[in-house]
Amino acid sequence: MVSYKYKLYRTKQTKHLDAMLREACFVWNHALALQKRYYSLFGKYISKNAMQKHYAKRIKRSLLHSQTTQEIIERLDTAYQRFFKKLAKRPPKFRRAIDFCSIIYKQGGFSLNGNVLTVNTIKKRFKFSYSRPYEGRVKRIAIKRSRLGEYYLIITTDAEPKAYGKTHDGASVGIDFGLKTYMTLSDGTTVRNPQFLKSDLDNVRRKSRSLSKCKKGSNNRQRRRKDVCREFENITHKREDFQWKLAHELCRKYDYIFIEDLSLLGMTRMWGRKMSDLAHAEFVSKLEHVARKYGVMVHKIDRFYPSSKTCECGYVNKELKLSDREWVCPECGKVNDRDLNAAENILRRGISELWSGSKTVSDTASRACTQESHALQPWEYVNFMLRSIYGENMTIAKLMERWEAWAVVEGIGAAGIDHESCIIVEVTDNLE
């Protein structure tokens, strides 16, 4: 399934779309009120099918297609099911017409002809910016309204998503997310924090103050509200553009990407607006999406692993504070940069988990699906370490010196990592 997004031209016909969204909001609120009333009387929940049959027989609305009303009831049922499974904190609530922003057509009630969308129920045509042709057979469409009042058409087809061509050379990287820097890579590369919200915060505050001075319900207040929404929309667009480009850059360069499974919600509660501006969770979802197209594996390690507190020799600095950006290991005397050391440890931990098969890899691993298929053989593991962690120039003797201490820390053991395995690595490298 592939989705295409187009912008609808704003014309006099747009008022019909507003009327359709108001009616869709009425369907939602009516079904929700019926659920609440039925539960208060009988203590039971009305099933989705029963609700759809009731609505089809008792209520006749002219602007919406029957499949559209069914989809709205399905949406309400999904919200209730998420609440019952404790995936949502509260049950669905009543909505205002201005907050109900989407209607969906499933296979019927519309027709497409070039850049013209025809809605059969109201017999109106809407032109959209046909910026690129869509491929495949149309399965469904969605009409969405932004906070600025702009309308967009999302066309979903049955076409298969195209995979990006890439030469896989086994390059890997560990990523440590931060506050001052957006991320630090295990190869020493740092990505600066763009701070999109902070850079435009003065404009947001100025326009918010102008909005607060306007009389409620006035046209001027509506214009000022759109100015504030437009400012936040520009910030969102800049952040998304940055994240998509960064995800593509990482996937083009590396075959294995290791990250921490952080509690981003808890970090947001601790640091508030800074974490919201960084939007690491959104970036991770974009990275996983792009990784599937490139055939790149994204593997998450345990969030409780002390990546920043662990030295290369195995010593764990339990007294390390967040303000300490560098620390000296009392065991080996190495000066560790907090972020770079964390990224290197994430890389080592991720590789060790793949080799031992101790954890199930992320579902975003697109080149293999099972845990066993990702478990590396001993000689593959050593080769992986040579190339990914210590570089091409690291000798096997030097590697074996570090292996014993590292194996104890990782809890892997040194089984299979012997001189015979190392000889296999040397032969393999020479053949390459």
Protein backbone atom coordinates (compact mmCIF):
# COMPACT_ATOMS: atom_id res chain seq x y z
CA MET A 1 0.00 0.00 0.00
CA VAL A 2 1.31 3.42 -1.00
CA SER A 3 -0.21 6.80 -0.12
CA TYR A 4 0.01 10.02 -2.13
CA LYS A 5 -0.81 13.45 -0.72
CA TYR A 6 -2.16 16.31 -2.84
CA LYS A 7 -3.37 19.78 -1.94
CA LEU A 8 -6.92 20.75 -2.89
CA TYR A 9 -7.40 24.16 -4.45
CA ARG A 10 -9.39 26.52 -2.27
CA THR A 11 -12.51 27.66 -4.16
CA LYS A 12 -16.14 28.47 -3.47
CA GLN A 13 -16.81 24.72 -3.41
CA THR A 14 -14.76 24.39 -0.23
CA LYS A 15 -17.82 25.32 1.86
CA HIS A 16 -19.34 21.95 0.92
CA LEU A 17 -16.35 20.19 2.44
CA ASP A 18 -16.86 22.19 5.63
CA ALA A 19 -20.49 21.06 5.71
CA MET A 20 -19.44 17.43 5.22
CA LEU A 21 -16.98 17.62 8.12
CA ARG A 22 -19.64 19.17 10.36
CA GLU A 23 -21.96 16.28 9.52
CA ALA A 24 -19.18 13.75 10.15
CA CYS A 25 -18.66 15.35 13.56
CA PHE A 26 -22.41 14.97 14.19
CA VAL A 27 -22.19 11.23 13.41
CA TRP A 28 -19.31 10.83 15.86
CA ASN A 29 -21.04 12.72 18.67
CA HIS A 30 -24.37 10.97 18.08
CA ALA A 31 -22.78 7.49 18.21
CA LEU A 32 -20.77 8.43 21.31
CA ALA A 33 -23.87 9.78 23.09
CA LEU A 34 -25.74 6.59 22.23
CA GLN A 35 -22.93 4.48 23.68
CA LYS A 36 -22.88 6.46 26.91
CA ARG A 37 -26.66 6.34 27.28
CA TYR A 38 -26.84 2.59 26.61
CA TYR A 39 -24.06 1.86 29.08
CA SER A 40 -25.69 3.95 31.83
CA LEU A 41 -28.99 2.03 31.38
CA PHE A 42 -27.83 -1.54 30.75
CA GLY A 43 -24.14 -1.59 31.65
CA LYS A 44 -23.22 -2.99 28.23
CA TYR A 45 -21.23 -1.83 25.21
CA ILE A 46 -22.88 -1.61 21.79
CA SER A 47 -20.94 -3.55 19.18
CA LYS A 48 -19.70 -1.93 16.02
CA ASN A 49 -22.02 -3.90 13.74
CA ALA A 50 -25.10 -3.14 15.85
CA MET A 51 -24.23 0.56 15.89
CA GLN A 52 -23.81 0.64 12.10
CA LYS A 53 -27.14 -1.13 11.54
CA HIS A 54 -28.92 1.24 13.92
CA TYR A 55 -27.47 4.29 12.25
CA ALA A 56 -28.34 3.05 8.75
CA LYS A 57 -32.01 2.41 9.69
CA ARG A 58 -32.84 5.29 12.02
CA ILE A 59 -30.88 8.26 10.75
CA LYS A 60 -30.72 9.48 7.18
CA ARG A 61 -28.02 11.99 6.28
CA SER A 62 -27.60 13.28 2.75
CA LEU A 63 -24.07 14.66 2.60
CA LEU A 64 -22.06 11.58 3.63
CA HIS A 65 -21.70 8.27 1.86
CA SER A 66 -22.79 5.16 3.75
CA GLN A 67 -19.22 3.81 3.83
CA THR A 68 -18.04 7.09 5.31
CA THR A 69 -20.50 6.87 8.21
CA GLN A 70 -19.47 3.26 8.77
CA GLU A 71 -15.83 4.29 8.90
CA ILE A 72 -16.56 6.97 11.52
CA ILE A 73 -18.29 4.38 13.71
CA GLU A 74 -15.33 2.03 13.19
CA ARG A 75 -13.02 4.84 14.28
CA LEU A 76 -15.08 5.33 17.45
CA ASP A 77 -15.06 1.58 18.13
CA THR A 78 -11.26 1.48 17.72
CA ALA A 79 -10.90 4.31 20.24
CA TYR A 80 -13.02 2.38 22.74
CA GLN A 81 -11.07 -0.83 22.17
CA ARG A 82 -7.79 1.00 22.83
CA PHE A 83 -9.28 2.29 26.07
CA PHE A 84 -10.43 -1.19 27.11
CA LYS A 85 -6.93 -2.59 26.42
CA LYS A 86 -5.41 0.25 28.49
CA LEU A 87 -3.59 1.63 25.47
CA ALA A 88 -5.33 4.98 25.97
CA LYS A 89 -5.67 6.87 29.24
CA ARG A 90 -9.29 7.95 28.74
CA PRO A 91 -12.29 6.95 26.63
CA PRO A 92 -13.18 8.91 23.47
CA LYS A 93 -14.80 12.28 24.02
CA PHE A 94 -17.17 14.58 22.20
CA ARG A 95 -15.63 16.76 19.52
CA ARG A 96 -16.21 20.22 18.19
CA ALA A 97 -16.84 20.63 14.49
CA ILE A 98 -13.65 22.64 14.13
CA ASP A 99 -11.61 19.76 15.63
CA PHE A 100 -13.04 17.00 13.41
CA CYS A 101 -10.70 17.19 10.44
CA SER A 102 -10.95 14.07 8.27
CA ILE A 103 -13.39 11.91 6.34
CA ILE A 104 -12.53 8.65 4.57
CA TYR A 105 -14.06 7.01 1.51
CA LYS A 106 -13.53 3.27 1.01
CA GLN A 107 -13.83 2.22 -2.64
CA GLY A 108 -17.10 4.07 -3.21
CA GLY A 109 -18.75 7.47 -3.08
CA PHE A 110 -16.11 9.24 -5.20
CA SER A 111 -14.44 9.26 -8.60
CA LEU A 112 -11.06 10.51 -9.85
CA ASN A 113 -10.43 11.92 -13.30
CA GLY A 114 -7.01 13.48 -13.72
CA ASN A 115 -6.74 16.29 -11.17
CA VAL A 116 -10.48 16.37 -10.45
CA LEU A 117 -12.14 14.70 -7.47
CA THR A 118 -15.89 14.16 -7.68
CA VAL A 119 -17.89 13.46 -4.51
CA ASN A 120 -21.00 11.58 -5.57
CA THR A 121 -23.21 12.34 -2.56
CA ILE A 122 -23.10 16.11 -3.06
CA LYS A 123 -22.35 15.97 -6.82
CA LYS A 124 -19.51 18.47 -6.53
CA ARG A 125 -16.08 18.49 -8.15
CA PHE A 126 -12.86 19.61 -6.51
CA LYS A 127 -9.54 20.25 -8.26
CA PHE A 128 -6.26 19.34 -6.60
CA SER A 129 -2.61 19.95 -7.38
CA TYR A 130 -1.62 16.87 -9.37
CA SER A 131 2.06 17.18 -8.48
CA ARG A 132 2.94 13.55 -9.28
CA PRO A 133 1.04 10.62 -10.78
CA TYR A 134 -0.07 7.85 -8.46
CA GLU A 135 0.57 4.20 -9.28
CA GLY A 136 -1.70 1.23 -8.79
CA ARG A 137 -5.41 0.91 -8.19
CA VAL A 138 -7.06 3.35 -5.80
CA LYS A 139 -8.23 1.57 -2.65
CA ARG A 140 -9.38 4.52 -0.56
CA ILE A 141 -9.13 8.27 -0.25
CA ALA A 142 -9.13 10.65 2.68
CA ILE A 143 -9.98 14.35 2.78
CA LYS A 144 -8.19 16.12 5.61
CA ARG A 145 -8.33 19.68 6.83
CA SER A 146 -5.34 21.33 8.49
CA ARG A 147 -5.49 23.79 11.37
CA LEU A 148 -5.11 26.57 8.84
CA GLY A 149 -8.24 25.48 6.98
CA GLU A 150 -6.35 24.04 4.02
CA TYR A 151 -7.67 20.80 2.50
CA TYR A 152 -5.56 17.85 1.39
CA LEU A 153 -6.39 14.71 -0.55
CA ILE A 154 -4.65 11.46 0.46
CA ILE A 155 -4.93 8.68 -2.13
CA THR A 156 -4.02 5.14 -1.03
CA THR A 157 -3.28 2.58 -3.75
CA ASP A 158 -2.39 -1.11 -3.82
CA ALA A 159 1.02 -0.44 -5.36
CA GLU A 160 4.06 -1.97 -3.71
CA PRO A 161 6.47 0.50 -2.10
CA LYS A 162 9.69 0.85 -4.04
CA ALA A 163 12.89 -0.28 -2.36
CA TYR A 164 16.01 1.86 -2.59
CA GLY A 165 19.02 0.35 -4.28
CA LYS A 166 22.05 0.04 -2.02
CA THR A 167 25.34 -1.81 -1.82
CA HIS A 168 25.55 -3.48 1.60
CA ASP A 169 29.10 -3.54 2.98
CA GLY A 170 28.29 -4.34 6.63
CA ALA A 171 28.97 -0.87 8.03
CA SER A 172 27.45 -0.33 11.46
CA VAL A 173 27.00 2.56 13.89
CA GLY A 174 25.80 3.20 17.41
CA ILE A 175 23.72 6.31 18.09
CA ASP A 176 23.40 8.18 21.37
CA PHE A 177 20.65 10.79 21.52
CA GLY A 178 21.32 13.94 23.50
CA LEU A 179 20.08 17.39 24.43
CA LYS A 180 22.93 19.72 23.49
CA THR A 181 23.72 17.66 20.41
CA TYR A 182 20.92 15.97 18.51
CA MET A 183 22.90 12.74 18.33
CA THR A 184 26.42 11.41 18.59
CA LEU A 185 27.61 8.55 16.39
CA SER A 186 30.12 5.92 17.40
CA ASP A 187 32.48 7.00 14.60
CA GLY A 188 32.86 10.41 16.24
CA THR A 189 30.35 12.29 14.08
CA THR A 190 28.03 14.67 15.89
CA VAL A 191 24.75 16.12 14.64
CA ARG A 192 23.99 19.53 16.05
CA ASN A 193 20.68 20.33 17.69
CA PRO A 194 18.75 22.52 15.19
CA GLN A 195 16.42 23.93 17.92
CA PHE A 196 13.63 24.82 15.53
CA LEU A 197 11.19 25.89 18.24
CA LYS A 198 13.74 27.90 20.18
CA SER A 199 14.87 29.81 17.09
CA ASP A 200 11.28 30.86 16.27
CA LEU A 201 10.04 31.20 19.84
CA ASP A 202 10.06 35.01 19.76
CA ASN A 203 7.75 35.04 16.72
CA VAL A 204 5.42 32.53 18.39
CA ARG A 205 5.22 34.61 21.56
CA ARG A 206 4.60 37.82 19.68
CA LYS A 207 1.76 36.34 17.63
CA SER A 208 0.31 34.62 20.70
CA ARG A 209 0.16 37.94 22.55
CA SER A 210 -1.57 39.51 19.56
CA LEU A 211 -4.10 36.66 19.60
CA SER A 212 -4.85 37.05 23.30
CA LYS A 213 -5.73 40.74 22.81
CA CYS A 214 -8.45 40.01 20.24
CA LYS A 215 -12.10 39.69 21.17
CA LYS A 216 -13.38 36.13 21.30
CA GLY A 217 -15.58 35.22 18.35
CA SER A 218 -14.37 38.06 16.16
CA ASN A 219 -12.99 37.66 12.65
CA ASN A 220 -9.78 39.34 13.68
CA ARG A 221 -9.24 36.67 16.34
CA GLN A 222 -9.67 33.96 13.70
CA ARG A 223 -7.00 35.61 11.55
CA ARG A 224 -4.63 35.87 14.51
CA ARG A 225 -5.28 32.22 15.40
CA LYS A 226 -4.31 31.19 11.87
CA ASP A 227 -1.11 33.23 12.19
CA VAL A 228 -0.15 31.26 15.30
CA CYS A 229 -1.07 27.96 13.63
CA ARG A 230 0.96 28.89 10.55
CA GLU A 231 4.01 29.60 12.72
CA PHE A 232 3.80 26.21 14.43
CA GLU A 233 3.18 24.51 11.10
CA ASN A 234 6.37 26.04 9.66
CA ILE A 235 8.32 24.77 12.68
CA THR A 236 6.85 21.30 12.20
CA HIS A 237 7.70 21.26 8.50
CA LYS A 238 11.32 22.28 9.13
CA ARG A 239 11.70 19.62 11.82
CA GLU A 240 10.22 16.88 9.60
CA ASP A 241 12.42 17.88 6.66
CA PHE A 242 15.50 17.68 8.89
CA GLN A 243 14.52 14.26 10.27
CA TRP A 244 13.69 12.70 6.91
CA LYS A 245 16.98 13.86 5.37
CA LEU A 246 18.96 12.63 8.38
CA ALA A 247 17.23 9.21 8.28
CA HIS A 248 18.05 8.81 4.58
CA GLU A 249 21.66 9.83 5.17
CA LEU A 250 22.13 7.26 7.94
CA CYS A 251 20.48 4.45 5.98
CA ARG A 252 22.58 5.17 2.88
CA LYS A 253 25.78 5.01 4.92
CA TYR A 254 25.19 2.14 7.37
CA ASP A 255 23.72 -1.35 7.24
CA TYR A 256 23.30 -1.83 10.99
CA ILE A 257 22.04 0.98 13.20
CA PHE A 258 21.96 0.50 16.97
CA ILE A 259 19.99 2.82 19.25
CA GLU A 260 18.75 2.80 22.84
CA ASP A 261 15.14 1.96 23.64
CA LEU A 262 14.72 5.14 25.65
CA SER A 263 11.69 6.18 27.67
CA LEU A 264 11.16 9.33 25.65
CA LEU A 265 7.90 10.14 27.44
CA GLY A 266 9.73 10.18 30.77
CA MET A 267 12.49 12.34 29.31
CA THR A 268 9.85 14.76 28.02
CA ARG A 269 8.35 15.05 31.50
CA MET A 270 11.82 15.77 32.89
CA TRP A 271 13.06 18.29 30.32
CA GLY A 272 9.76 19.45 28.85
CA ARG A 273 9.96 21.70 25.81
CA LYS A 274 13.55 20.78 24.96
CA MET A 275 12.66 17.14 24.37
CA SER A 276 9.49 18.08 22.50
CA ASP A 277 11.55 20.27 20.20
CA LEU A 278 14.03 17.44 19.55
CA ALA A 279 11.22 14.93 18.83
CA HIS A 280 13.46 11.85 19.07
CA ALA A 281 10.47 9.49 19.04
CA GLU A 282 9.28 10.90 15.72
CA PHE A 283 12.78 10.54 14.30
CA VAL A 284 13.01 6.89 15.39
CA SER A 285 9.72 6.08 13.64
CA LYS A 286 10.95 7.82 10.46
CA LEU A 287 14.28 5.99 10.70
CA GLU A 288 12.53 2.61 10.96
CA HIS A 289 10.33 3.47 7.99
CA VAL A 290 13.28 4.45 5.79
CA ALA A 291 15.34 1.46 7.00
CA ARG A 292 12.75 -0.97 5.64
CA LYS A 293 13.13 0.55 2.17
CA TYR A 294 16.92 0.43 2.24
CA GLY A 295 17.12 -3.06 3.76
CA VAL A 296 18.87 -1.70 6.85
CA MET A 297 18.53 -3.20 10.31
CA VAL A 298 17.57 -0.93 13.23
CA HIS A 299 18.22 -2.68 16.54
CA LYS A 300 17.26 -1.32 19.97
CA ILE A 301 19.21 -2.22 23.09
CA ASP A 302 17.90 -2.25 26.63
CA ARG A 303 17.16 1.21 28.04
CA PHE A 304 18.65 0.24 31.42
CA TYR A 305 22.07 -0.55 29.97
CA PRO A 306 24.55 2.03 31.46
CA SER A 307 26.02 3.07 28.13
CA SER A 308 27.48 6.39 29.28
CA LYS A 309 28.84 5.00 32.57
CA THR A 310 30.70 1.99 31.17
CA CYS A 311 34.33 2.25 30.12
CA GLU A 312 35.93 0.22 27.36
CA CYS A 313 37.80 -1.86 29.97
CA GLY A 314 34.57 -2.87 31.72
CA TYR A 315 34.57 -0.45 34.65
CA VAL A 316 31.16 1.07 35.47
CA ASN A 317 31.24 4.59 36.94
CA LYS A 318 28.14 4.58 39.14
CA GLU A 319 28.89 8.06 40.46
CA LEU A 320 28.72 9.73 37.05
CA LYS A 321 26.39 12.75 36.98
CA LEU A 322 24.55 14.28 34.04
CA SER A 323 26.70 17.41 34.30
CA ASP A 324 29.90 15.38 33.85
CA ARG A 325 30.65 15.54 30.12
CA GLU A 326 34.04 13.83 30.48
CA TRP A 327 35.37 11.39 33.03
CA VAL A 328 38.58 9.47 33.62
CA CYS A 329 38.40 5.74 34.18
CA PRO A 330 40.18 4.81 37.46
CA GLU A 331 40.96 1.33 36.12
CA CYS A 332 42.64 2.03 32.78
CA GLY A 333 43.05 5.82 32.90
CA LYS A 334 41.16 6.44 29.64
CA VAL A 335 39.49 9.84 29.25
CA ASN A 336 35.92 9.15 28.11
CA ASP A 337 33.71 11.67 26.39
CA ARG A 338 30.25 11.00 27.76
CA ASP A 339 28.29 11.02 24.49
CA LEU A 340 30.94 9.35 22.31
CA ASN A 341 31.56 6.66 24.90
CA ALA A 342 27.82 5.98 25.12
CA ALA A 343 27.56 5.63 21.33
CA GLU A 344 30.51 3.22 21.24
CA ASN A 345 29.02 1.13 24.04
CA ILE A 346 25.66 1.03 22.27
CA LEU A 347 27.44 -0.29 19.18
CA ARG A 348 29.30 -2.96 21.15
CA ARG A 349 26.18 -4.00 23.02
CA GLY A 350 24.11 -4.21 19.86
CA ILE A 351 26.69 -6.32 18.04
CA SER A 352 27.03 -8.64 21.02
CA GLU A 353 23.25 -9.16 21.13
CA LEU A 354 23.18 -10.00 17.44
CA TRP A 355 26.03 -12.45 17.84
CA SER A 356 24.64 -14.19 20.90
CA GLY A 357 20.99 -14.00 19.83
CA SER A 358 20.12 -12.92 23.39
CA LYS A 359 17.41 -10.48 22.26
CA THR A 360 14.91 -10.43 19.47
CA VAL A 361 15.83 -7.81 16.94
CA SER A 362 13.52 -5.00 15.98
CA ASP A 363 10.75 -5.63 13.48
CA THR A 364 12.39 -3.04 11.27
CA ALA A 365 15.05 -5.52 10.29
CA SER A 366 14.02 -5.99 6.72
CA ARG A 367 16.69 -8.30 5.36
CA ALA A 368 15.81 -11.10 7.79
CA CYS A 369 12.89 -11.82 10.05
CA THR A 370 13.97 -14.34 12.67
CA GLN A 371 16.21 -14.09 15.65
CA GLU A 372 18.28 -17.07 14.52
CA SER A 373 19.02 -15.56 11.12
CA HIS A 374 20.60 -12.50 12.78
CA ALA A 375 22.80 -14.47 15.17
CA LEU A 376 26.37 -14.01 13.95
CA GLN A 377 28.88 -16.84 13.84
CA PRO A 378 32.06 -16.41 15.95
CA TRP A 379 34.29 -15.57 13.00
CA GLU A 380 31.61 -13.20 11.65
CA TYR A 381 31.44 -11.52 15.02
CA VAL A 382 35.17 -10.91 15.20
CA ASN A 383 35.15 -9.64 11.63
CA PHE A 384 32.24 -7.37 12.51
CA MET A 385 34.13 -6.01 15.49
CA LEU A 386 37.26 -5.39 13.43
CA ARG A 387 35.40 -3.42 10.79
CA SER A 388 32.80 -1.60 12.86
CA ILE A 389 34.42 -0.81 16.19
CA TYR A 390 38.17 -0.72 15.93
CA GLY A 391 38.62 0.00 12.23
CA GLU A 392 40.38 -1.76 9.42
CA ASN A 393 43.85 -1.28 10.90
CA MET A 394 43.16 -3.07 14.20
CA THR A 395 45.32 -6.20 14.48
CA ILE A 396 43.91 -9.46 15.75
CA ALA A 397 46.47 -9.58 18.58
CA LYS A 398 45.38 -6.17 19.79
CA LEU A 399 41.76 -7.25 19.49
CA MET A 400 42.32 -10.37 21.59
CA GLU A 401 43.87 -8.26 24.35
CA ARG A 402 40.67 -6.29 24.71
CA TRP A 403 38.32 -9.20 24.21
CA GLU A 404 38.66 -10.87 27.63
CA ALA A 405 37.68 -7.81 29.66
CA TRP A 406 34.92 -6.89 27.26
CA ALA A 407 33.41 -10.41 27.22
CA VAL A 408 33.03 -10.33 31.01
CA VAL A 409 31.21 -6.99 30.91
CA GLU A 410 28.86 -8.01 28.11
CA GLY A 411 28.12 -11.36 29.73
CA ILE A 412 28.77 -13.16 26.47
CA GLY A 413 31.73 -15.32 27.31
CA ALA A 414 34.61 -16.04 25.07
CA ALA A 415 33.19 -19.21 23.56
CA GLY A 416 34.10 -19.57 19.92
CA ILE A 417 36.44 -16.57 19.85
CA ASP A 418 39.75 -18.38 19.49
CA HIS A 419 42.77 -18.25 17.30
CA GLU A 420 41.14 -20.59 14.78
CA SER A 421 38.27 -18.15 14.35
CA CYS A 422 40.74 -15.32 14.00
CA ILE A 423 42.58 -17.18 11.25
CA ILE A 424 39.28 -17.47 9.39
CA VAL A 425 38.88 -13.73 9.68
CA GLU A 426 42.33 -13.10 8.23
CA VAL A 427 41.68 -15.39 5.29
CA THR A 428 38.29 -13.81 4.67
CA ASP A 429 39.72 -10.31 4.73
CA ASN A 430 42.48 -11.30 2.31
CA LEU A 431 39.97 -12.77 -0.09
CA GLU A 432 37.99 -9.53 -0.02
